[in-house]
Amino acid sequence: MFAYDHFHYDMSRSLLQYKSGNIFSLWGLDDWHNSEFCKDAWEYIENYRLFAKRISEFYHLKQFDYQNSGHYDSAPDGEGNLMNIWFRKHEETVLENIDIYKRFIKQIKADGATPIIVIPPYYLSGINELSKKAFKEKREEFYQIVSSLEIETGKVSIFDYSNLFENRREYFADLIHLNSAGAKLFTEIINTEVIGPLSRK
């Protein structure tokens, strides 16, 4: 699963990821490689190192226990703003992520597996004109980067579902994240259109 903006994004540099606990899922890897560039991240990292195992054991949810039944309601159609990352360029992060991407694809192939990129759905009817422009630019850049790397990585199949639910507000928790209903339906589509054909090869 690879969103268009991911070449520009580095969780370890975002204090919001530490404050929200989103980055907590990486505690087992203990990989905070650019956290020194993120003010106050060290406090969260020390807490994760000290208490993550006990916390994850205590609060561990069974599969599918968590349900997000809400839907995007922050703005009328055509008036929503994408997050700041869609409007920013982080060239150093792009270079680092390109290197990680190349090594990742090569490792997948070396292990005898087939790398596939799946672009997730977005609630495109919800975004305003400036966001549409930013979205288009990130999409074009994504395809340009992946295409330019094919000499080194070989061709990687891309299943682009960016506009799959573009006007289905009921499937989104926000402009770029599916809620549980959307995730369930999207999973069924991936199982049928992506994983199914691969398993029959």
N, C-alpha and C. Protein backbone atom coordinates (compact mmCIF):
# COMPACT_ATOMS: atom_id res chain seq x y z
N MET A 1 0.86 -1.18 0.00
CA MET A 1 0.00 0.00 0.00
C MET A 1 0.90 1.23 0.00
N PHE A 2 0.74 2.09 -0.98
CA PHE A 2 1.67 3.20 -1.15
C PHE A 2 0.89 4.42 -1.62
N ALA A 3 0.77 5.42 -0.77
CA ALA A 3 0.06 6.64 -1.14
C ALA A 3 0.96 7.55 -1.97
N TYR A 4 0.37 8.39 -2.78
CA TYR A 4 1.14 9.26 -3.67
C TYR A 4 2.14 10.15 -2.94
N ASP A 5 1.82 10.55 -1.73
CA ASP A 5 2.68 11.50 -1.01
C ASP A 5 3.81 10.83 -0.24
N HIS A 6 3.90 9.49 -0.26
CA HIS A 6 4.80 8.79 0.65
C HIS A 6 6.29 9.02 0.38
N PHE A 7 6.67 9.36 -0.84
CA PHE A 7 8.08 9.64 -1.07
C PHE A 7 8.53 10.89 -0.30
N HIS A 8 7.59 11.76 0.03
CA HIS A 8 7.90 12.99 0.76
C HIS A 8 7.73 12.84 2.27
N TYR A 9 7.28 11.66 2.71
CA TYR A 9 6.86 11.55 4.11
C TYR A 9 7.80 10.67 4.93
N ASP A 10 8.08 11.11 6.15
CA ASP A 10 8.91 10.37 7.09
C ASP A 10 8.28 10.49 8.47
N MET A 11 7.65 9.42 8.94
CA MET A 11 6.98 9.44 10.24
C MET A 11 7.90 9.86 11.37
N SER A 12 9.17 9.46 11.28
CA SER A 12 10.09 9.71 12.38
C SER A 12 10.40 11.19 12.56
N ARG A 13 10.05 12.02 11.57
CA ARG A 13 10.29 13.47 11.65
C ARG A 13 9.05 14.24 12.10
N SER A 14 7.94 13.54 12.30
CA SER A 14 6.68 14.20 12.62
C SER A 14 6.31 14.03 14.09
N LEU A 15 6.35 15.12 14.85
CA LEU A 15 6.01 15.04 16.28
C LEU A 15 4.57 14.58 16.47
N LEU A 16 3.69 14.93 15.55
CA LEU A 16 2.29 14.51 15.64
C LEU A 16 2.18 12.99 15.70
N GLN A 17 3.05 12.29 14.98
CA GLN A 17 3.00 10.83 14.97
C GLN A 17 3.35 10.26 16.34
N TYR A 18 4.25 10.94 17.07
CA TYR A 18 4.61 10.51 18.42
C TYR A 18 3.49 10.85 19.41
N LYS A 19 2.96 12.07 19.29
CA LYS A 19 1.91 12.51 20.21
C LYS A 19 0.64 11.69 20.06
N SER A 20 0.29 11.37 18.81
CA SER A 20 -0.95 10.62 18.56
C SER A 20 -0.79 9.13 18.88
N GLY A 21 0.47 8.68 18.91
CA GLY A 21 0.72 7.26 19.15
C GLY A 21 0.71 6.43 17.88
N ASN A 22 0.51 7.07 16.72
CA ASN A 22 0.48 6.32 15.46
C ASN A 22 1.79 5.56 15.22
N ILE A 23 2.89 6.19 15.61
CA ILE A 23 4.20 5.57 15.37
C ILE A 23 4.49 4.46 16.38
N PHE A 24 3.63 4.31 17.37
CA PHE A 24 3.81 3.28 18.40
C PHE A 24 3.90 1.87 17.79
N SER A 25 3.24 1.69 16.67
CA SER A 25 3.22 0.36 16.04
C SER A 25 4.62 -0.09 15.61
N LEU A 26 5.57 0.83 15.54
CA LEU A 26 6.93 0.49 15.14
C LEU A 26 7.84 0.17 16.32
N TRP A 27 7.29 0.16 17.53
CA TRP A 27 8.17 0.03 18.70
C TRP A 27 9.01 -1.24 18.66
N GLY A 28 8.47 -2.31 18.10
CA GLY A 28 9.22 -3.57 18.05
C GLY A 28 10.44 -3.49 17.16
N LEU A 29 10.42 -2.60 16.16
CA LEU A 29 11.57 -2.42 15.28
C LEU A 29 12.62 -1.50 15.91
N ASP A 30 12.17 -0.68 16.86
CA ASP A 30 13.04 0.32 17.49
C ASP A 30 13.77 1.15 16.43
N ASP A 31 13.04 1.53 15.40
CA ASP A 31 13.62 2.28 14.29
C ASP A 31 13.07 3.71 14.30
N TRP A 32 13.86 4.61 14.82
CA TRP A 32 13.47 6.02 14.88
C TRP A 32 14.56 6.84 14.17
N HIS A 33 14.89 6.44 12.95
CA HIS A 33 16.13 6.84 12.31
C HIS A 33 16.34 8.33 12.11
N ASN A 34 15.29 9.13 12.01
CA ASN A 34 15.47 10.58 11.86
C ASN A 34 14.85 11.36 13.03
N SER A 35 14.64 10.69 14.13
CA SER A 35 13.97 11.33 15.27
C SER A 35 14.79 12.49 15.85
N GLU A 36 16.11 12.48 15.62
CA GLU A 36 16.94 13.58 16.15
C GLU A 36 16.57 14.92 15.52
N PHE A 37 15.87 14.88 14.38
CA PHE A 37 15.42 16.12 13.73
C PHE A 37 14.05 16.56 14.21
N CYS A 38 13.46 15.78 15.14
CA CYS A 38 12.11 16.06 15.62
C CYS A 38 12.17 16.42 17.11
N LYS A 39 11.93 17.68 17.41
CA LYS A 39 12.03 18.16 18.78
C LYS A 39 11.09 17.39 19.71
N ASP A 40 11.61 16.95 20.83
CA ASP A 40 10.87 16.25 21.89
C ASP A 40 10.47 14.82 21.55
N ALA A 41 10.84 14.32 20.38
CA ALA A 41 10.50 12.94 20.05
C ALA A 41 11.16 11.96 21.02
N TRP A 42 12.34 12.31 21.51
CA TRP A 42 13.10 11.40 22.37
C TRP A 42 12.32 10.99 23.62
N GLU A 43 11.47 11.91 24.14
CA GLU A 43 10.70 11.59 25.33
C GLU A 43 9.73 10.44 25.06
N TYR A 44 9.08 10.48 23.90
CA TYR A 44 8.14 9.43 23.52
C TYR A 44 8.87 8.11 23.26
N ILE A 45 10.02 8.21 22.61
CA ILE A 45 10.80 7.02 22.29
C ILE A 45 11.25 6.30 23.55
N GLU A 46 11.70 7.07 24.55
CA GLU A 46 12.12 6.46 25.81
C GLU A 46 10.95 5.76 26.49
N ASN A 47 9.77 6.36 26.42
CA ASN A 47 8.58 5.71 26.98
C ASN A 47 8.25 4.42 26.25
N TYR A 48 8.36 4.46 24.91
CA TYR A 48 8.08 3.26 24.13
C TYR A 48 9.06 2.15 24.52
N ARG A 49 10.33 2.51 24.65
CA ARG A 49 11.35 1.51 24.98
C ARG A 49 11.12 0.91 26.37
N LEU A 50 10.66 1.74 27.29
CA LEU A 50 10.45 1.27 28.66
C LEU A 50 9.17 0.46 28.84
N PHE A 51 8.08 0.92 28.18
CA PHE A 51 6.77 0.36 28.52
C PHE A 51 6.00 -0.27 27.35
N ALA A 52 6.53 -0.22 26.14
CA ALA A 52 5.75 -0.65 24.97
C ALA A 52 5.30 -2.10 25.05
N LYS A 53 6.18 -2.98 25.45
CA LYS A 53 5.83 -4.41 25.49
C LYS A 53 4.66 -4.65 26.44
N ARG A 54 4.74 -4.07 27.64
CA ARG A 54 3.67 -4.28 28.62
C ARG A 54 2.37 -3.63 28.16
N ILE A 55 2.47 -2.43 27.57
CA ILE A 55 1.26 -1.73 27.11
C ILE A 55 0.60 -2.52 25.99
N SER A 56 1.40 -2.99 25.01
CA SER A 56 0.83 -3.70 23.87
C SER A 56 0.19 -5.02 24.30
N GLU A 57 0.76 -5.67 25.30
CA GLU A 57 0.18 -6.91 25.80
C GLU A 57 -1.14 -6.65 26.53
N PHE A 58 -1.19 -5.55 27.29
CA PHE A 58 -2.38 -5.25 28.08
C PHE A 58 -3.54 -4.78 27.19
N TYR A 59 -3.22 -3.91 26.20
CA TYR A 59 -4.27 -3.32 25.36
C TYR A 59 -4.44 -4.02 24.02
N HIS A 60 -3.80 -5.18 23.84
CA HIS A 60 -3.86 -5.85 22.55
C HIS A 60 -5.30 -6.17 22.16
N LEU A 61 -5.68 -5.73 20.95
CA LEU A 61 -7.03 -5.98 20.46
C LEU A 61 -7.03 -7.21 19.57
N LYS A 62 -8.07 -7.99 19.67
CA LYS A 62 -8.21 -9.10 18.75
C LYS A 62 -8.49 -8.54 17.35
N GLN A 63 -8.17 -9.34 16.34
CA GLN A 63 -8.36 -8.89 14.97
C GLN A 63 -9.81 -8.46 14.75
N PHE A 64 -9.98 -7.29 14.12
CA PHE A 64 -11.28 -6.72 13.76
C PHE A 64 -12.08 -6.19 14.96
N ASP A 65 -11.48 -6.17 16.16
CA ASP A 65 -12.21 -5.62 17.31
C ASP A 65 -12.46 -4.11 17.13
N TYR A 66 -11.46 -3.42 16.58
CA TYR A 66 -11.60 -1.97 16.44
C TYR A 66 -12.39 -1.63 15.20
N GLN A 67 -13.42 -0.82 15.37
CA GLN A 67 -14.24 -0.41 14.23
C GLN A 67 -14.34 1.12 14.19
N ASN A 68 -14.12 1.68 13.03
CA ASN A 68 -14.28 3.12 12.83
C ASN A 68 -15.50 3.31 11.94
N SER A 69 -16.63 3.56 12.57
CA SER A 69 -17.88 3.66 11.82
C SER A 69 -18.23 5.08 11.42
N GLY A 70 -17.40 6.06 11.83
CA GLY A 70 -17.67 7.45 11.47
C GLY A 70 -17.39 7.70 10.01
N HIS A 71 -17.87 8.84 9.52
CA HIS A 71 -17.57 9.21 8.14
C HIS A 71 -17.17 10.68 8.07
N TYR A 72 -16.47 11.03 7.01
CA TYR A 72 -15.94 12.38 6.85
C TYR A 72 -17.08 13.41 6.83
N ASP A 73 -16.99 14.37 7.74
CA ASP A 73 -18.04 15.40 7.78
C ASP A 73 -17.46 16.78 8.10
N SER A 74 -16.18 16.98 7.80
CA SER A 74 -15.52 18.24 8.16
C SER A 74 -15.84 19.39 7.23
N ALA A 75 -16.25 19.10 5.99
CA ALA A 75 -16.53 20.18 5.03
C ALA A 75 -17.44 19.65 3.93
N PRO A 76 -18.20 20.55 3.31
CA PRO A 76 -19.03 20.13 2.16
C PRO A 76 -18.14 19.68 1.00
N ASP A 77 -18.72 18.97 0.06
CA ASP A 77 -17.97 18.53 -1.10
C ASP A 77 -17.34 19.72 -1.82
N GLY A 78 -16.11 19.53 -2.26
CA GLY A 78 -15.39 20.57 -2.99
C GLY A 78 -14.76 21.63 -2.13
N GLU A 79 -14.82 21.48 -0.80
CA GLU A 79 -14.26 22.52 0.08
C GLU A 79 -13.21 21.99 1.05
N GLY A 80 -12.92 20.71 1.00
CA GLY A 80 -11.95 20.13 1.93
C GLY A 80 -10.51 20.39 1.53
N ASN A 81 -9.66 20.56 2.54
CA ASN A 81 -8.23 20.77 2.31
C ASN A 81 -7.45 19.50 2.62
N LEU A 82 -6.58 19.10 1.71
CA LEU A 82 -5.68 18.01 2.01
C LEU A 82 -4.68 18.46 3.07
N MET A 83 -4.05 17.51 3.75
CA MET A 83 -3.07 17.85 4.79
C MET A 83 -1.85 18.52 4.17
N ASN A 84 -1.07 19.20 5.03
CA ASN A 84 0.07 20.00 4.57
C ASN A 84 1.08 19.23 3.74
N ILE A 85 1.26 17.94 4.02
CA ILE A 85 2.26 17.16 3.30
C ILE A 85 2.03 17.19 1.80
N TRP A 86 0.78 17.32 1.37
CA TRP A 86 0.46 17.33 -0.05
C TRP A 86 0.93 18.61 -0.74
N PHE A 87 1.19 19.65 0.05
CA PHE A 87 1.60 20.93 -0.52
C PHE A 87 3.10 21.20 -0.33
N ARG A 88 3.77 20.31 0.35
CA ARG A 88 5.18 20.53 0.67
C ARG A 88 6.08 19.57 -0.09
N LYS A 89 7.32 20.01 -0.26
CA LYS A 89 8.33 19.16 -0.89
C LYS A 89 9.47 18.98 0.10
N HIS A 90 9.83 17.73 0.37
CA HIS A 90 10.93 17.41 1.27
C HIS A 90 11.95 16.61 0.48
N GLU A 91 12.82 17.33 -0.22
CA GLU A 91 13.72 16.69 -1.18
C GLU A 91 14.66 15.67 -0.52
N GLU A 92 15.16 15.98 0.67
CA GLU A 92 16.05 15.03 1.36
C GLU A 92 15.30 13.74 1.68
N THR A 93 14.06 13.89 2.11
CA THR A 93 13.24 12.72 2.43
C THR A 93 12.95 11.91 1.17
N VAL A 94 12.69 12.60 0.07
CA VAL A 94 12.44 11.91 -1.20
C VAL A 94 13.64 11.04 -1.57
N LEU A 95 14.84 11.60 -1.49
CA LEU A 95 16.05 10.84 -1.84
C LEU A 95 16.24 9.63 -0.92
N GLU A 96 16.00 9.84 0.38
CA GLU A 96 16.12 8.73 1.32
C GLU A 96 15.09 7.65 1.03
N ASN A 97 13.85 8.06 0.76
CA ASN A 97 12.78 7.10 0.52
C ASN A 97 12.96 6.37 -0.82
N ILE A 98 13.54 7.03 -1.80
CA ILE A 98 13.84 6.37 -3.06
C ILE A 98 14.84 5.25 -2.82
N ASP A 99 15.86 5.52 -2.01
CA ASP A 99 16.85 4.50 -1.69
C ASP A 99 16.21 3.33 -0.96
N ILE A 100 15.34 3.63 0.01
CA ILE A 100 14.64 2.58 0.76
C ILE A 100 13.75 1.78 -0.18
N TYR A 101 13.04 2.46 -1.07
CA TYR A 101 12.15 1.81 -2.04
C TYR A 101 12.93 0.83 -2.92
N LYS A 102 14.07 1.27 -3.45
CA LYS A 102 14.87 0.40 -4.32
C LYS A 102 15.33 -0.84 -3.58
N ARG A 103 15.83 -0.65 -2.36
CA ARG A 103 16.32 -1.79 -1.58
C ARG A 103 15.18 -2.73 -1.22
N PHE A 104 14.02 -2.16 -0.92
CA PHE A 104 12.84 -2.95 -0.56
C PHE A 104 12.37 -3.82 -1.72
N ILE A 105 12.26 -3.22 -2.91
CA ILE A 105 11.82 -3.96 -4.09
C ILE A 105 12.81 -5.07 -4.43
N LYS A 106 14.08 -4.75 -4.38
CA LYS A 106 15.11 -5.75 -4.68
C LYS A 106 15.07 -6.91 -3.68
N GLN A 107 14.84 -6.60 -2.40
CA GLN A 107 14.79 -7.64 -1.37
C GLN A 107 13.57 -8.54 -1.57
N ILE A 108 12.43 -7.94 -1.91
CA ILE A 108 11.22 -8.72 -2.17
C ILE A 108 11.48 -9.72 -3.30
N LYS A 109 12.10 -9.23 -4.37
CA LYS A 109 12.37 -10.10 -5.52
C LYS A 109 13.40 -11.16 -5.16
N ALA A 110 14.41 -10.78 -4.38
CA ALA A 110 15.44 -11.75 -3.97
C ALA A 110 14.84 -12.87 -3.14
N ASP A 111 13.76 -12.56 -2.42
CA ASP A 111 13.08 -13.57 -1.59
C ASP A 111 12.09 -14.41 -2.39
N GLY A 112 12.00 -14.14 -3.71
CA GLY A 112 11.13 -14.92 -4.57
C GLY A 112 9.69 -14.47 -4.61
N ALA A 113 9.40 -13.28 -4.09
CA ALA A 113 8.03 -12.76 -4.08
C ALA A 113 7.86 -11.73 -5.19
N THR A 114 6.62 -11.39 -5.47
CA THR A 114 6.30 -10.41 -6.51
C THR A 114 5.87 -9.10 -5.88
N PRO A 115 6.67 -8.04 -6.05
CA PRO A 115 6.26 -6.74 -5.46
C PRO A 115 5.11 -6.13 -6.25
N ILE A 116 4.14 -5.61 -5.51
CA ILE A 116 2.98 -4.95 -6.13
C ILE A 116 2.69 -3.69 -5.33
N ILE A 117 2.43 -2.61 -6.02
CA ILE A 117 2.05 -1.35 -5.37
C ILE A 117 0.54 -1.18 -5.51
N VAL A 118 -0.11 -0.92 -4.39
CA VAL A 118 -1.55 -0.64 -4.40
C VAL A 118 -1.75 0.80 -3.93
N ILE A 119 -2.35 1.62 -4.77
CA ILE A 119 -2.66 3.00 -4.42
C ILE A 119 -4.05 3.02 -3.76
N PRO A 120 -4.16 3.55 -2.55
CA PRO A 120 -5.45 3.51 -1.83
C PRO A 120 -6.45 4.51 -2.40
N PRO A 121 -7.73 4.33 -2.07
CA PRO A 121 -8.76 5.29 -2.51
C PRO A 121 -8.68 6.61 -1.74
N TYR A 122 -9.14 7.67 -2.38
CA TYR A 122 -9.23 8.99 -1.76
C TYR A 122 -10.63 9.55 -2.00
N TYR A 123 -11.07 10.40 -1.08
CA TYR A 123 -12.37 11.04 -1.26
C TYR A 123 -12.18 12.31 -2.09
N LEU A 124 -12.02 12.12 -3.39
CA LEU A 124 -11.66 13.22 -4.28
C LEU A 124 -12.77 14.25 -4.44
N SER A 125 -14.03 13.84 -4.31
CA SER A 125 -15.13 14.80 -4.42
C SER A 125 -15.13 15.80 -3.27
N GLY A 126 -14.42 15.46 -2.20
CA GLY A 126 -14.42 16.34 -1.03
C GLY A 126 -13.42 17.46 -1.08
N ILE A 127 -12.42 17.39 -1.98
CA ILE A 127 -11.32 18.36 -1.91
C ILE A 127 -11.56 19.58 -2.80
N ASN A 128 -10.95 20.70 -2.39
CA ASN A 128 -11.09 21.95 -3.13
C ASN A 128 -10.11 22.00 -4.30
N GLU A 129 -10.15 23.08 -5.06
CA GLU A 129 -9.34 23.18 -6.28
C GLU A 129 -7.85 23.18 -6.00
N LEU A 130 -7.42 23.88 -4.94
CA LEU A 130 -5.99 23.89 -4.61
C LEU A 130 -5.51 22.48 -4.24
N SER A 131 -6.34 21.77 -3.51
CA SER A 131 -5.99 20.41 -3.13
C SER A 131 -5.97 19.48 -4.33
N LYS A 132 -6.88 19.69 -5.27
CA LYS A 132 -6.89 18.89 -6.49
C LYS A 132 -5.60 19.08 -7.28
N LYS A 133 -5.13 20.32 -7.32
CA LYS A 133 -3.88 20.63 -8.03
C LYS A 133 -2.70 19.94 -7.33
N ALA A 134 -2.67 20.03 -5.99
CA ALA A 134 -1.59 19.40 -5.23
C ALA A 134 -1.64 17.88 -5.38
N PHE A 135 -2.84 17.32 -5.37
CA PHE A 135 -3.02 15.88 -5.53
C PHE A 135 -2.49 15.44 -6.89
N LYS A 136 -2.84 16.18 -7.92
CA LYS A 136 -2.39 15.84 -9.28
C LYS A 136 -0.87 15.90 -9.38
N GLU A 137 -0.26 16.92 -8.77
CA GLU A 137 1.19 17.06 -8.82
C GLU A 137 1.90 15.91 -8.11
N LYS A 138 1.38 15.52 -6.93
CA LYS A 138 1.99 14.40 -6.20
C LYS A 138 1.81 13.09 -6.98
N ARG A 139 0.66 12.92 -7.62
CA ARG A 139 0.42 11.71 -8.40
C ARG A 139 1.40 11.64 -9.58
N GLU A 140 1.55 12.74 -10.29
CA GLU A 140 2.47 12.77 -11.44
C GLU A 140 3.90 12.51 -10.99
N GLU A 141 4.30 13.10 -9.87
CA GLU A 141 5.65 12.90 -9.36
C GLU A 141 5.86 11.44 -8.96
N PHE A 142 4.87 10.85 -8.30
CA PHE A 142 4.96 9.45 -7.89
C PHE A 142 5.24 8.56 -9.10
N TYR A 143 4.44 8.70 -10.15
CA TYR A 143 4.60 7.85 -11.33
C TYR A 143 5.94 8.13 -12.03
N GLN A 144 6.37 9.38 -12.01
CA GLN A 144 7.65 9.71 -12.63
C GLN A 144 8.80 9.03 -11.88
N ILE A 145 8.74 9.06 -10.55
CA ILE A 145 9.80 8.45 -9.74
C ILE A 145 9.84 6.94 -9.96
N VAL A 146 8.68 6.29 -9.83
CA VAL A 146 8.62 4.84 -9.98
C VAL A 146 9.08 4.40 -11.37
N SER A 147 8.65 5.16 -12.38
CA SER A 147 9.05 4.85 -13.76
C SER A 147 10.55 5.00 -13.96
N SER A 148 11.12 6.05 -13.38
CA SER A 148 12.56 6.31 -13.54
C SER A 148 13.42 5.26 -12.85
N LEU A 149 12.85 4.55 -11.89
CA LEU A 149 13.61 3.55 -11.14
C LEU A 149 13.52 2.14 -11.74
N GLU A 150 12.72 1.99 -12.79
CA GLU A 150 12.51 0.66 -13.37
C GLU A 150 13.80 0.04 -13.90
N ILE A 151 14.77 0.87 -14.33
CA ILE A 151 16.05 0.35 -14.81
C ILE A 151 16.74 -0.44 -13.71
N GLU A 152 16.58 0.03 -12.46
CA GLU A 152 17.23 -0.63 -11.32
C GLU A 152 16.35 -1.68 -10.66
N THR A 153 15.06 -1.44 -10.60
CA THR A 153 14.16 -2.34 -9.86
C THR A 153 13.41 -3.33 -10.74
N GLY A 154 13.38 -3.03 -12.04
CA GLY A 154 12.49 -3.77 -12.92
C GLY A 154 11.09 -3.19 -12.81
N LYS A 155 10.20 -3.62 -13.67
CA LYS A 155 8.83 -3.10 -13.65
C LYS A 155 8.07 -3.64 -12.46
N VAL A 156 7.38 -2.77 -11.77
CA VAL A 156 6.56 -3.15 -10.62
C VAL A 156 5.10 -2.88 -10.97
N SER A 157 4.25 -3.87 -10.79
CA SER A 157 2.83 -3.71 -11.10
C SER A 157 2.18 -2.72 -10.12
N ILE A 158 1.37 -1.83 -10.66
CA ILE A 158 0.67 -0.84 -9.84
C ILE A 158 -0.83 -1.00 -10.04
N PHE A 159 -1.54 -1.16 -8.94
CA PHE A 159 -3.00 -1.18 -8.96
C PHE A 159 -3.46 0.14 -8.35
N ASP A 160 -3.94 1.01 -9.19
CA ASP A 160 -4.29 2.37 -8.76
C ASP A 160 -5.79 2.46 -8.49
N TYR A 161 -6.14 2.56 -7.20
CA TYR A 161 -7.54 2.66 -6.80
C TYR A 161 -7.86 4.06 -6.25
N SER A 162 -7.07 5.05 -6.66
CA SER A 162 -7.22 6.39 -6.09
C SER A 162 -8.61 6.97 -6.26
N ASN A 163 -9.28 6.64 -7.37
CA ASN A 163 -10.62 7.20 -7.61
C ASN A 163 -11.73 6.17 -7.43
N LEU A 164 -11.42 5.05 -6.80
CA LEU A 164 -12.39 3.96 -6.64
C LEU A 164 -13.67 4.42 -5.94
N PHE A 165 -13.51 5.13 -4.85
CA PHE A 165 -14.66 5.61 -4.07
C PHE A 165 -14.68 7.14 -4.05
N GLU A 166 -14.29 7.78 -5.13
CA GLU A 166 -14.05 9.23 -5.12
C GLU A 166 -15.26 10.06 -4.69
N ASN A 167 -16.46 9.54 -4.85
CA ASN A 167 -17.65 10.30 -4.43
C ASN A 167 -18.49 9.54 -3.40
N ARG A 168 -17.85 8.62 -2.67
CA ARG A 168 -18.56 7.83 -1.67
C ARG A 168 -18.14 8.25 -0.26
N ARG A 169 -18.67 9.35 0.18
CA ARG A 169 -18.34 9.92 1.48
C ARG A 169 -18.49 8.90 2.62
N GLU A 170 -19.47 8.02 2.50
CA GLU A 170 -19.78 7.09 3.58
C GLU A 170 -18.66 6.08 3.83
N TYR A 171 -17.69 6.01 2.93
CA TYR A 171 -16.59 5.06 3.08
C TYR A 171 -15.32 5.68 3.67
N PHE A 172 -15.37 6.96 4.02
CA PHE A 172 -14.16 7.64 4.46
C PHE A 172 -14.27 8.23 5.87
N ALA A 173 -13.19 8.03 6.65
CA ALA A 173 -13.08 8.67 7.96
C ALA A 173 -12.61 10.10 7.80
N ASP A 174 -11.77 10.34 6.80
CA ASP A 174 -11.36 11.69 6.41
C ASP A 174 -11.06 11.65 4.91
N LEU A 175 -10.46 12.69 4.38
CA LEU A 175 -10.27 12.78 2.93
C LEU A 175 -9.37 11.69 2.36
N ILE A 176 -8.47 11.15 3.18
CA ILE A 176 -7.49 10.21 2.65
C ILE A 176 -7.47 8.86 3.36
N HIS A 177 -8.37 8.66 4.34
CA HIS A 177 -8.39 7.40 5.08
C HIS A 177 -9.78 6.79 5.07
N LEU A 178 -9.85 5.52 4.74
CA LEU A 178 -11.12 4.80 4.75
C LEU A 178 -11.57 4.53 6.19
N ASN A 179 -12.88 4.50 6.39
CA ASN A 179 -13.40 4.02 7.67
C ASN A 179 -13.53 2.49 7.58
N SER A 180 -14.10 1.88 8.57
CA SER A 180 -14.17 0.40 8.58
C SER A 180 -15.00 -0.16 7.43
N ALA A 181 -16.11 0.52 7.09
CA ALA A 181 -16.94 0.04 5.99
C ALA A 181 -16.18 0.11 4.67
N GLY A 182 -15.47 1.22 4.45
CA GLY A 182 -14.67 1.36 3.24
C GLY A 182 -13.52 0.38 3.20
N ALA A 183 -12.87 0.19 4.36
CA ALA A 183 -11.73 -0.73 4.42
C ALA A 183 -12.17 -2.17 4.14
N LYS A 184 -13.34 -2.55 4.66
CA LYS A 184 -13.85 -3.91 4.43
C LYS A 184 -14.10 -4.14 2.94
N LEU A 185 -14.77 -3.18 2.30
CA LEU A 185 -15.08 -3.33 0.88
C LEU A 185 -13.80 -3.29 0.04
N PHE A 186 -12.87 -2.41 0.40
CA PHE A 186 -11.61 -2.31 -0.33
C PHE A 186 -10.81 -3.60 -0.20
N THR A 187 -10.82 -4.20 0.97
CA THR A 187 -10.12 -5.46 1.19
C THR A 187 -10.69 -6.55 0.29
N GLU A 188 -12.01 -6.58 0.18
CA GLU A 188 -12.66 -7.58 -0.68
C GLU A 188 -12.24 -7.38 -2.14
N ILE A 189 -12.13 -6.12 -2.56
CA ILE A 189 -11.72 -5.82 -3.93
C ILE A 189 -10.27 -6.24 -4.17
N ILE A 190 -9.39 -5.94 -3.20
CA ILE A 190 -7.98 -6.35 -3.33
C ILE A 190 -7.87 -7.88 -3.38
N ASN A 191 -8.63 -8.56 -2.53
CA ASN A 191 -8.60 -10.03 -2.53
C ASN A 191 -9.02 -10.59 -3.88
N THR A 192 -10.01 -9.96 -4.50
CA THR A 192 -10.53 -10.45 -5.78
C THR A 192 -9.65 -10.05 -6.96
N GLU A 193 -9.23 -8.79 -7.00
CA GLU A 193 -8.55 -8.26 -8.19
C GLU A 193 -7.03 -8.34 -8.14
N VAL A 194 -6.46 -8.39 -6.94
CA VAL A 194 -4.99 -8.38 -6.82
C VAL A 194 -4.47 -9.73 -6.34
N ILE A 195 -4.90 -10.14 -5.16
CA ILE A 195 -4.37 -11.37 -4.57
C ILE A 195 -4.89 -12.62 -5.29
N GLY A 196 -6.17 -12.62 -5.65
CA GLY A 196 -6.78 -13.77 -6.33
C GLY A 196 -6.01 -14.19 -7.58
N PRO A 197 -5.83 -13.29 -8.55
CA PRO A 197 -5.09 -13.66 -9.77
C PRO A 197 -3.66 -14.11 -9.49
N LEU A 198 -3.01 -13.52 -8.50
CA LEU A 198 -1.63 -13.92 -8.17
C LEU A 198 -1.58 -15.33 -7.64
N SER A 199 -2.56 -15.67 -6.80
CA SER A 199 -2.56 -17.00 -6.18
C SER A 199 -2.84 -18.10 -7.19
N ARG A 200 -3.41 -17.74 -8.34
CA ARG A 200 -3.73 -18.74 -9.36
C ARG A 200 -2.59 -18.96 -10.35
N LYS A 201 -1.51 -18.14 -10.22
CA LYS A 201 -0.38 -18.27 -11.15
C LYS A 201 0.46 -19.48 -10.83
